[in-house]
Amino acid sequence: MKKRLLYSLYPVITLLILLGLWSIEANRIGTEIILPSPSVTAKEIIKSFSDKKFLQSALNSVWHMAESFTLAFLLALLLGTLAGLVKTVHKFLYVIVVILRVVPTMSVILLAIIWFKDESRPIFIAFLVSFPLLYNEVYSAVSSCDKDLVEMSLVYKVRKRDKLLYFYLPTISEKMFDGVLSVLGLNVKLVIAAESIAQTRLTLGMLMYSAKINLETGRLFAYTIIAILISCLLEGVLRLIRYCVKKAVKR
């Protein structure tokens, strides 16, 4: 019990140390344009939540993140599972996935600006970059399933539904979860970067771009911290979904 309590305190201690170092450095520099203090940033965060434009922008960005990640994950789950079970599918998709994985992100952003309307740009960009990474996670998880258990299920003629629910689903979710979390974090960064570069109206990325242009570094720090909190919130939702899946499978 004491060990668990101690482990839970480590993140708090680390955060306090970082805040202390940040405060010391901000006082040493003495210029808010270069490095605002934690107190100034906290005031900007509080001020942001009283602004309707900010709330609408934050919700739009969260929607872009959720939509692009969900679309990429569902397609990756479908194609990655098929590729893991049928080698011909993997061979067919291999070149496409490699091309998508190595294409420069800036090229994707610039093409999205040409091809799509304002709100669709960040969704397309984040989807296109996230999909090959998620596909590789799903494919690797399916391919690494225990071959002996697969053969045994064929011998005993286990129903496809039962194999999917009680064998493939738990194995895949366990092996690819950490990788999926990493892609989710990347997805948040991609959406905000795309919103900023493409100047998508009423989004968190556009607010960051505006703060940078006006040299409002305190606001920029505040929006950055809010983006980190949004990422943590989405990660929490993903962990909850995983927990519900595990509970459902055990029944």
C-alpha atoms as a PDB file:
ATOM      1  CA  MET A   1       0.000   0.000   0.000  1.00  0.00           C
ATOM      2  CA  LYS A   2       2.811   2.388   0.940  1.00  0.00           C
ATOM      3  CA  LYS A   3       4.671   1.553  -2.276  1.00  0.00           C
ATOM      4  CA  ARG A   4       1.589   2.316  -4.381  1.00  0.00           C
ATOM      5  CA  LEU A   5       1.127   5.635  -2.566  1.00  0.00           C
ATOM      6  CA  LEU A   6       4.797   6.470  -3.129  1.00  0.00           C
ATOM      7  CA  TYR A   7       4.606   5.600  -6.835  1.00  0.00           C
ATOM      8  CA  SER A   8       1.519   7.793  -7.218  1.00  0.00           C
ATOM      9  CA  LEU A   9       3.417  10.709  -5.652  1.00  0.00           C
ATOM     10  CA  TYR A  10       6.295  10.539  -8.159  1.00  0.00           C
ATOM     11  CA  PRO A  11       4.408  12.346 -10.969  1.00  0.00           C
ATOM     12  CA  VAL A  12       3.322  15.065  -8.509  1.00  0.00           C
ATOM     13  CA  ILE A  13       6.895  15.536  -7.268  1.00  0.00           C
ATOM     14  CA  THR A  14       8.217  15.666 -10.842  1.00  0.00           C
ATOM     15  CA  LEU A  15       5.573  18.252 -11.782  1.00  0.00           C
ATOM     16  CA  LEU A  16       6.435  20.415  -8.765  1.00  0.00           C
ATOM     17  CA  ILE A  17      10.154  20.277  -9.651  1.00  0.00           C
ATOM     18  CA  LEU A  18       9.406  21.307 -13.255  1.00  0.00           C
ATOM     19  CA  LEU A  19       7.187  24.175 -12.083  1.00  0.00           C
ATOM     20  CA  GLY A  20       9.911  25.315  -9.700  1.00  0.00           C
ATOM     21  CA  LEU A  21      12.575  25.293 -12.432  1.00  0.00           C
ATOM     22  CA  TRP A  22      10.191  27.076 -14.818  1.00  0.00           C
ATOM     23  CA  SER A  23       9.483  29.787 -12.210  1.00  0.00           C
ATOM     24  CA  ILE A  24      13.171  30.294 -11.437  1.00  0.00           C
ATOM     25  CA  GLU A  25      14.099  30.582 -15.126  1.00  0.00           C
ATOM     26  CA  ALA A  26      11.176  32.955 -15.839  1.00  0.00           C
ATOM     27  CA  ASN A  27      12.285  35.223 -12.964  1.00  0.00           C
ATOM     28  CA  ARG A  28      15.889  35.122 -14.184  1.00  0.00           C
ATOM     29  CA  ILE A  29      14.953  36.127 -17.744  1.00  0.00           C
ATOM     30  CA  GLY A  30      12.418  38.686 -16.541  1.00  0.00           C
ATOM     31  CA  THR A  31      10.650  39.091 -19.905  1.00  0.00           C
ATOM     32  CA  GLU A  32       7.181  37.599 -20.434  1.00  0.00           C
ATOM     33  CA  ILE A  33       7.520  37.690 -24.215  1.00  0.00           C
ATOM     34  CA  ILE A  34      10.405  35.187 -24.001  1.00  0.00           C
ATOM     35  CA  LEU A  35       9.277  33.071 -21.035  1.00  0.00           C
ATOM     36  CA  PRO A  36       6.119  33.848 -19.019  1.00  0.00           C
ATOM     37  CA  SER A  37       5.965  32.684 -15.413  1.00  0.00           C
ATOM     38  CA  PRO A  38       3.667  29.828 -14.278  1.00  0.00           C
ATOM     39  CA  SER A  39       1.377  32.356 -12.552  1.00  0.00           C
ATOM     40  CA  VAL A  40       0.966  34.409 -15.749  1.00  0.00           C
ATOM     41  CA  THR A  41       0.256  31.233 -17.722  1.00  0.00           C
ATOM     42  CA  ALA A  42      -2.298  30.085 -15.118  1.00  0.00           C
ATOM     43  CA  LYS A  43      -4.112  33.445 -15.390  1.00  0.00           C
ATOM     44  CA  GLU A  44      -4.223  33.075 -19.176  1.00  0.00           C
ATOM     45  CA  ILE A  45      -5.675  29.557 -18.845  1.00  0.00           C
ATOM     46  CA  ILE A  46      -8.427  30.809 -16.527  1.00  0.00           C
ATOM     47  CA  LYS A  47      -9.127  33.755 -18.836  1.00  0.00           C
ATOM     48  CA  SER A  48      -9.371  31.412 -21.837  1.00  0.00           C
ATOM     49  CA  PHE A  49     -12.216  29.383 -20.328  1.00  0.00           C
ATOM     50  CA  SER A  50     -14.354  32.521 -20.015  1.00  0.00           C
ATOM     51  CA  ASP A  51     -13.993  33.192 -23.753  1.00  0.00           C
ATOM     52  CA  LYS A  52     -16.730  31.647 -25.938  1.00  0.00           C
ATOM     53  CA  LYS A  53     -14.479  31.781 -28.999  1.00  0.00           C
ATOM     54  CA  PHE A  54     -11.842  29.714 -27.190  1.00  0.00           C
ATOM     55  CA  LEU A  55     -14.379  27.126 -26.026  1.00  0.00           C
ATOM     56  CA  GLN A  56     -15.719  26.726 -29.569  1.00  0.00           C
ATOM     57  CA  SER A  57     -12.178  26.482 -30.943  1.00  0.00           C
ATOM     58  CA  ALA A  58     -11.160  23.855 -28.365  1.00  0.00           C
ATOM     59  CA  LEU A  59     -14.272  21.760 -29.087  1.00  0.00           C
ATOM     60  CA  ASN A  60     -13.615  21.959 -32.850  1.00  0.00           C
ATOM     61  CA  SER A  61     -10.038  20.759 -32.325  1.00  0.00           C
ATOM     62  CA  VAL A  62     -11.154  17.889 -30.082  1.00  0.00           C
ATOM     63  CA  TRP A  63     -13.640  16.871 -32.774  1.00  0.00           C
ATOM     64  CA  HIS A  64     -10.883  16.930 -35.428  1.00  0.00           C
ATOM     65  CA  MET A  65      -8.659  14.771 -33.192  1.00  0.00           C
ATOM     66  CA  ALA A  66     -11.405  12.279 -32.355  1.00  0.00           C
ATOM     67  CA  GLU A  67     -12.698  11.968 -35.927  1.00  0.00           C
ATOM     68  CA  SER A  68      -9.296  11.580 -37.608  1.00  0.00           C
ATOM     69  CA  PHE A  69      -8.057   9.057 -35.020  1.00  0.00           C
ATOM     70  CA  THR A  70     -11.281   7.023 -35.042  1.00  0.00           C
ATOM     71  CA  LEU A  71     -11.355   6.800 -38.845  1.00  0.00           C
ATOM     72  CA  ALA A  72      -7.664   5.849 -39.008  1.00  0.00           C
ATOM     73  CA  PHE A  73      -8.025   3.271 -36.222  1.00  0.00           C
ATOM     74  CA  LEU A  74     -11.131   1.567 -37.633  1.00  0.00           C
ATOM     75  CA  LEU A  75      -9.622   1.292 -41.118  1.00  0.00           C
ATOM     76  CA  ALA A  76      -6.307   0.080 -39.657  1.00  0.00           C
ATOM     77  CA  LEU A  77      -8.144  -2.467 -37.482  1.00  0.00           C
ATOM     78  CA  LEU A  78     -10.023  -3.840 -40.482  1.00  0.00           C
ATOM     79  CA  LEU A  79      -7.125  -3.952 -42.956  1.00  0.00           C
ATOM     80  CA  GLY A  80      -4.477  -4.860 -40.363  1.00  0.00           C
ATOM     81  CA  THR A  81      -6.524  -7.829 -39.135  1.00  0.00           C
ATOM     82  CA  LEU A  82      -7.149  -9.018 -42.707  1.00  0.00           C
ATOM     83  CA  ALA A  83      -3.444  -8.625 -43.536  1.00  0.00           C
ATOM     84  CA  GLY A  84      -2.441 -10.578 -40.423  1.00  0.00           C
ATOM     85  CA  LEU A  85      -4.756 -13.448 -41.330  1.00  0.00           C
ATOM     86  CA  VAL A  86      -4.318 -13.403 -45.126  1.00  0.00           C
ATOM     87  CA  LYS A  87      -0.722 -12.846 -46.299  1.00  0.00           C
ATOM     88  CA  THR A  88      -1.851 -11.869 -49.809  1.00  0.00           C
ATOM     89  CA  VAL A  89      -3.664  -8.847 -48.378  1.00  0.00           C
ATOM     90  CA  HIS A  90      -0.519  -7.783 -46.518  1.00  0.00           C
ATOM     91  CA  LYS A  91       1.607  -8.084 -49.671  1.00  0.00           C
ATOM     92  CA  PHE A  92      -0.926  -6.006 -51.598  1.00  0.00           C
ATOM     93  CA  LEU A  93      -1.079  -3.264 -48.935  1.00  0.00           C
ATOM     94  CA  TYR A  94       2.631  -3.240 -48.063  1.00  0.00           C
ATOM     95  CA  VAL A  95       3.757  -0.731 -50.710  1.00  0.00           C
ATOM     96  CA  ILE A  96       0.809   1.599 -50.034  1.00  0.00           C
ATOM     97  CA  VAL A  97       1.479   1.626 -46.287  1.00  0.00           C
ATOM     98  CA  VAL A  98       5.214   2.242 -46.780  1.00  0.00           C
ATOM     99  CA  ILE A  99       4.512   5.189 -49.114  1.00  0.00           C
ATOM    100  CA  LEU A 100       2.061   6.716 -46.643  1.00  0.00           C
ATOM    101  CA  ARG A 101       4.541   6.220 -43.793  1.00  0.00           C
ATOM    102  CA  VAL A 102       7.489   7.947 -45.519  1.00  0.00           C
ATOM    103  CA  VAL A 103       5.675  10.756 -47.346  1.00  0.00           C
ATOM    104  CA  PRO A 104       6.735  14.129 -45.814  1.00  0.00           C
ATOM    105  CA  THR A 105       4.108  15.561 -43.469  1.00  0.00           C
ATOM    106  CA  MET A 106       4.610  19.044 -44.919  1.00  0.00           C
ATOM    107  CA  SER A 107       3.710  17.729 -48.388  1.00  0.00           C
ATOM    108  CA  VAL A 108       0.516  16.243 -46.965  1.00  0.00           C
ATOM    109  CA  ILE A 109      -0.367  19.565 -45.293  1.00  0.00           C
ATOM    110  CA  LEU A 110       0.255  21.606 -48.456  1.00  0.00           C
ATOM    111  CA  LEU A 111      -1.756  19.178 -50.604  1.00  0.00           C
ATOM    112  CA  ALA A 112      -4.596  19.231 -48.059  1.00  0.00           C
ATOM    113  CA  ILE A 113      -4.701  23.047 -48.305  1.00  0.00           C
ATOM    114  CA  ILE A 114      -5.142  22.708 -52.091  1.00  0.00           C
ATOM    115  CA  TRP A 115      -7.576  19.778 -52.087  1.00  0.00           C
ATOM    116  CA  PHE A 116      -9.887  20.283 -49.099  1.00  0.00           C
ATOM    117  CA  LYS A 117     -12.128  22.818 -47.447  1.00  0.00           C
ATOM    118  CA  ASP A 118     -11.094  24.578 -44.260  1.00  0.00           C
ATOM    119  CA  GLU A 119     -12.385  22.146 -41.602  1.00  0.00           C
ATOM    120  CA  SER A 120     -11.505  18.938 -43.484  1.00  0.00           C
ATOM    121  CA  ARG A 121      -7.791  19.719 -43.748  1.00  0.00           C
ATOM    122  CA  PRO A 122      -6.612  18.770 -40.228  1.00  0.00           C
ATOM    123  CA  ILE A 123      -8.764  15.617 -40.278  1.00  0.00           C
ATOM    124  CA  PHE A 124      -7.281  14.441 -43.592  1.00  0.00           C
ATOM    125  CA  ILE A 125      -3.692  15.234 -42.536  1.00  0.00           C
ATOM    126  CA  ALA A 126      -3.908  13.487 -39.158  1.00  0.00           C
ATOM    127  CA  PHE A 127      -5.730  10.518 -40.701  1.00  0.00           C
ATOM    128  CA  LEU A 128      -3.169  10.031 -43.471  1.00  0.00           C
ATOM    129  CA  VAL A 129      -0.183  10.155 -41.094  1.00  0.00           C
ATOM    130  CA  SER A 130      -1.784   8.076 -38.310  1.00  0.00           C
ATOM    131  CA  PHE A 131      -3.213   5.276 -40.477  1.00  0.00           C
ATOM    132  CA  PRO A 132       0.058   3.516 -41.529  1.00  0.00           C
ATOM    133  CA  LEU A 133       1.333   3.591 -37.932  1.00  0.00           C
ATOM    134  CA  LEU A 134      -1.901   2.096 -36.590  1.00  0.00           C
ATOM    135  CA  TYR A 135      -1.981  -0.456 -39.416  1.00  0.00           C
ATOM    136  CA  ASN A 136       1.513  -1.675 -38.452  1.00  0.00           C
ATOM    137  CA  GLU A 137       0.463  -1.966 -34.796  1.00  0.00           C
ATOM    138  CA  VAL A 138      -2.619  -4.055 -35.665  1.00  0.00           C
ATOM    139  CA  TYR A 139      -0.791  -6.200 -38.214  1.00  0.00           C
ATOM    140  CA  SER A 140       2.079  -6.946 -35.805  1.00  0.00           C
ATOM    141  CA  ALA A 141      -0.369  -7.839 -33.016  1.00  0.00           C
ATOM    142  CA  VAL A 142      -2.384 -10.214 -35.224  1.00  0.00           C
ATOM    143  CA  SER A 143       0.737 -11.803 -36.721  1.00  0.00           C
ATOM    144  CA  SER A 144       2.196 -12.481 -33.270  1.00  0.00           C
ATOM    145  CA  CYS A 145      -0.841 -14.427 -32.041  1.00  0.00           C
ATOM    146  CA  ASP A 146       0.005 -17.908 -30.749  1.00  0.00           C
ATOM    147  CA  LYS A 147       0.008 -20.221 -33.809  1.00  0.00           C
ATOM    148  CA  ASP A 148      -0.572 -23.322 -31.664  1.00  0.00           C
ATOM    149  CA  LEU A 149      -3.777 -21.863 -30.256  1.00  0.00           C
ATOM    150  CA  VAL A 150      -4.914 -20.916 -33.756  1.00  0.00           C
ATOM    151  CA  GLU A 151      -4.336 -24.486 -34.982  1.00  0.00           C
ATOM    152  CA  MET A 152      -6.033 -25.907 -31.894  1.00  0.00           C
ATOM    153  CA  SER A 153      -9.100 -23.746 -32.527  1.00  0.00           C
ATOM    154  CA  LEU A 154      -9.260 -25.146 -36.068  1.00  0.00           C
ATOM    155  CA  VAL A 155      -8.975 -28.745 -34.817  1.00  0.00           C
ATOM    156  CA  TYR A 156     -11.766 -28.272 -32.264  1.00  0.00           C
ATOM    157  CA  LYS A 157     -13.829 -26.242 -34.761  1.00  0.00           C
ATOM    158  CA  VAL A 158     -14.200 -23.215 -32.526  1.00  0.00           C
ATOM    159  CA  ARG A 159     -16.738 -20.754 -33.923  1.00  0.00           C
ATOM    160  CA  LYS A 160     -15.296 -17.718 -35.704  1.00  0.00           C
ATOM    161  CA  ARG A 161     -17.211 -15.396 -33.372  1.00  0.00           C
ATOM    162  CA  ASP A 162     -15.707 -17.055 -30.291  1.00  0.00           C
ATOM    163  CA  LYS A 163     -12.201 -16.971 -31.781  1.00  0.00           C
ATOM    164  CA  LEU A 164     -12.594 -13.278 -32.477  1.00  0.00           C
ATOM    165  CA  LEU A 165     -14.022 -12.379 -29.053  1.00  0.00           C
ATOM    166  CA  TYR A 166     -12.026 -14.660 -26.769  1.00  0.00           C
ATOM    167  CA  PHE A 167      -8.743 -15.086 -28.597  1.00  0.00           C
ATOM    168  CA  TYR A 168      -7.917 -12.460 -31.197  1.00  0.00           C
ATOM    169  CA  LEU A 169      -9.547  -9.425 -29.536  1.00  0.00           C
ATOM    170  CA  PRO A 170      -7.857  -9.781 -26.087  1.00  0.00           C
ATOM    171  CA  THR A 171      -4.487 -10.619 -27.671  1.00  0.00           C
ATOM    172  CA  ILE A 172      -4.592  -7.731 -30.147  1.00  0.00           C
ATOM    173  CA  SER A 173      -5.780  -5.142 -27.596  1.00  0.00           C
ATOM    174  CA  GLU A 174      -3.063  -6.162 -25.123  1.00  0.00           C
ATOM    175  CA  LYS A 175      -0.162  -6.153 -27.578  1.00  0.00           C
ATOM    176  CA  MET A 176      -0.949  -2.995 -29.514  1.00  0.00           C
ATOM    177  CA  PHE A 177      -2.323  -0.735 -26.742  1.00  0.00           C
ATOM    178  CA  ASP A 178       0.912   1.128 -25.933  1.00  0.00           C
ATOM    179  CA  GLY A 179       1.570   1.723 -29.630  1.00  0.00           C
ATOM    180  CA  VAL A 180      -1.958   3.025 -30.157  1.00  0.00           C
ATOM    181  CA  LEU A 181      -1.533   5.437 -27.237  1.00  0.00           C
ATOM    182  CA  SER A 182       1.645   6.802 -28.862  1.00  0.00           C
ATOM    183  CA  VAL A 183      -0.187   7.325 -32.152  1.00  0.00           C
ATOM    184  CA  LEU A 184      -3.007   9.103 -30.291  1.00  0.00           C
ATOM    185  CA  GLY A 185      -0.469  11.553 -28.827  1.00  0.00           C
ATOM    186  CA  LEU A 186       1.004  12.076 -32.291  1.00  0.00           C
ATOM    187  CA  ASN A 187      -2.502  12.595 -33.684  1.00  0.00           C
ATOM    188  CA  VAL A 188      -3.115  15.475 -31.248  1.00  0.00           C
ATOM    189  CA  LYS A 189       0.137  17.146 -32.323  1.00  0.00           C
ATOM    190  CA  LEU A 190      -0.652  16.646 -36.017  1.00  0.00           C
ATOM    191  CA  VAL A 191      -4.127  18.140 -35.766  1.00  0.00           C
ATOM    192  CA  ILE A 192      -2.923  21.259 -33.952  1.00  0.00           C
ATOM    193  CA  ALA A 193       0.039  21.704 -36.320  1.00  0.00           C
ATOM    194  CA  ALA A 194      -2.236  21.257 -39.345  1.00  0.00           C
ATOM    195  CA  GLU A 195      -4.781  23.742 -37.965  1.00  0.00           C
ATOM    196  CA  SER A 196      -2.016  26.278 -37.395  1.00  0.00           C
ATOM    197  CA  ILE A 197      -0.289  25.923 -40.790  1.00  0.00           C
ATOM    198  CA  ALA A 198      -3.548  25.651 -42.742  1.00  0.00           C
ATOM    199  CA  GLN A 199      -5.033  28.448 -40.582  1.00  0.00           C
ATOM    200  CA  THR A 200      -8.264  26.569 -39.946  1.00  0.00           C
ATOM    201  CA  ARG A 201     -10.755  28.977 -38.421  1.00  0.00           C
ATOM    202  CA  LEU A 202     -12.016  28.559 -34.847  1.00  0.00           C
ATOM    203  CA  THR A 203      -9.483  25.928 -33.789  1.00  0.00           C
ATOM    204  CA  LEU A 204      -6.853  25.628 -31.096  1.00  0.00           C
ATOM    205  CA  GLY A 205      -4.097  25.613 -33.720  1.00  0.00           C
ATOM    206  CA  MET A 206      -5.331  28.900 -35.167  1.00  0.00           C
ATOM    207  CA  LEU A 207      -5.442  30.466 -31.688  1.00  0.00           C
ATOM    208  CA  MET A 208      -1.829  29.380 -31.136  1.00  0.00           C
ATOM    209  CA  TYR A 209      -0.842  30.912 -34.487  1.00  0.00           C
ATOM    210  CA  SER A 210      -2.596  34.167 -33.558  1.00  0.00           C
ATOM    211  CA  ALA A 211      -0.861  34.273 -30.151  1.00  0.00           C
ATOM    212  CA  LYS A 212       2.516  33.732 -31.822  1.00  0.00           C
ATOM    213  CA  ILE A 213       1.908  36.512 -34.389  1.00  0.00           C
ATOM    214  CA  ASN A 214       0.901  38.950 -31.621  1.00  0.00           C
ATOM    215  CA  LEU A 215       3.836  37.889 -29.389  1.00  0.00           C
ATOM    216  CA  GLU A 216       1.415  36.829 -26.624  1.00  0.00           C
ATOM    217  CA  THR A 217       3.676  34.131 -25.218  1.00  0.00           C
ATOM    218  CA  GLY A 218       1.605  33.714 -22.057  1.00  0.00           C
ATOM    219  CA  ARG A 219      -1.437  32.828 -24.147  1.00  0.00           C
ATOM    220  CA  LEU A 220       0.662  30.474 -26.294  1.00  0.00           C
ATOM    221  CA  PHE A 221       1.895  28.652 -23.175  1.00  0.00           C
ATOM    222  CA  ALA A 222      -1.689  28.486 -21.866  1.00  0.00           C
ATOM    223  CA  TYR A 223      -2.995  26.946 -25.100  1.00  0.00           C
ATOM    224  CA  THR A 224      -0.078  24.482 -25.098  1.00  0.00           C
ATOM    225  CA  ILE A 225      -0.916  23.295 -21.577  1.00  0.00           C
ATOM    226  CA  ILE A 226      -4.590  22.995 -22.527  1.00  0.00           C
ATOM    227  CA  ALA A 227      -3.582  20.878 -25.549  1.00  0.00           C
ATOM    228  CA  ILE A 228      -1.584  18.603 -23.220  1.00  0.00           C
ATOM    229  CA  LEU A 229      -4.635  18.261 -20.941  1.00  0.00           C
ATOM    230  CA  ILE A 230      -6.825  17.407 -23.951  1.00  0.00           C
ATOM    231  CA  SER A 231      -4.325  14.721 -24.969  1.00  0.00           C
ATOM    232  CA  CYS A 232      -4.431  13.270 -21.433  1.00  0.00           C
ATOM    233  CA  LEU A 233      -8.239  13.331 -21.510  1.00  0.00           C
ATOM    234  CA  LEU A 234      -8.369  11.461 -24.834  1.00  0.00           C
ATOM    235  CA  GLU A 235      -5.850   8.946 -23.507  1.00  0.00           C
ATOM    236  CA  GLY A 236      -8.094   8.434 -20.470  1.00  0.00           C
ATOM    237  CA  VAL A 237     -11.066   7.771 -22.767  1.00  0.00           C
ATOM    238  CA  LEU A 238      -9.003   5.207 -24.689  1.00  0.00           C
ATOM    239  CA  ARG A 239      -7.975   3.476 -21.457  1.00  0.00           C
ATOM    240  CA  LEU A 240     -11.640   3.369 -20.386  1.00  0.00           C
ATOM    241  CA  ILE A 241     -12.642   1.797 -23.716  1.00  0.00           C
ATOM    242  CA  ARG A 242      -9.897  -0.811 -23.290  1.00  0.00           C
ATOM    243  CA  TYR A 243     -11.108  -1.582 -19.768  1.00  0.00           C
ATOM    244  CA  CYS A 244     -14.704  -2.019 -21.010  1.00  0.00           C
ATOM    245  CA  VAL A 245     -13.527  -4.345 -23.797  1.00  0.00           C
ATOM    246  CA  LYS A 246     -11.594  -6.490 -21.318  1.00  0.00           C
ATOM    247  CA  LYS A 247     -14.594  -6.682 -18.991  1.00  0.00           C
ATOM    248  CA  ALA A 248     -16.904  -7.609 -21.875  1.00  0.00           C
ATOM    249  CA  VAL A 249     -14.569 -10.367 -23.064  1.00  0.00           C
ATOM    250  CA  LYS A 250     -14.284 -11.912 -19.593  1.00  0.00           C
ATOM    251  CA  ARG A 251     -18.054 -12.353 -19.330  1.00  0.00           C
END
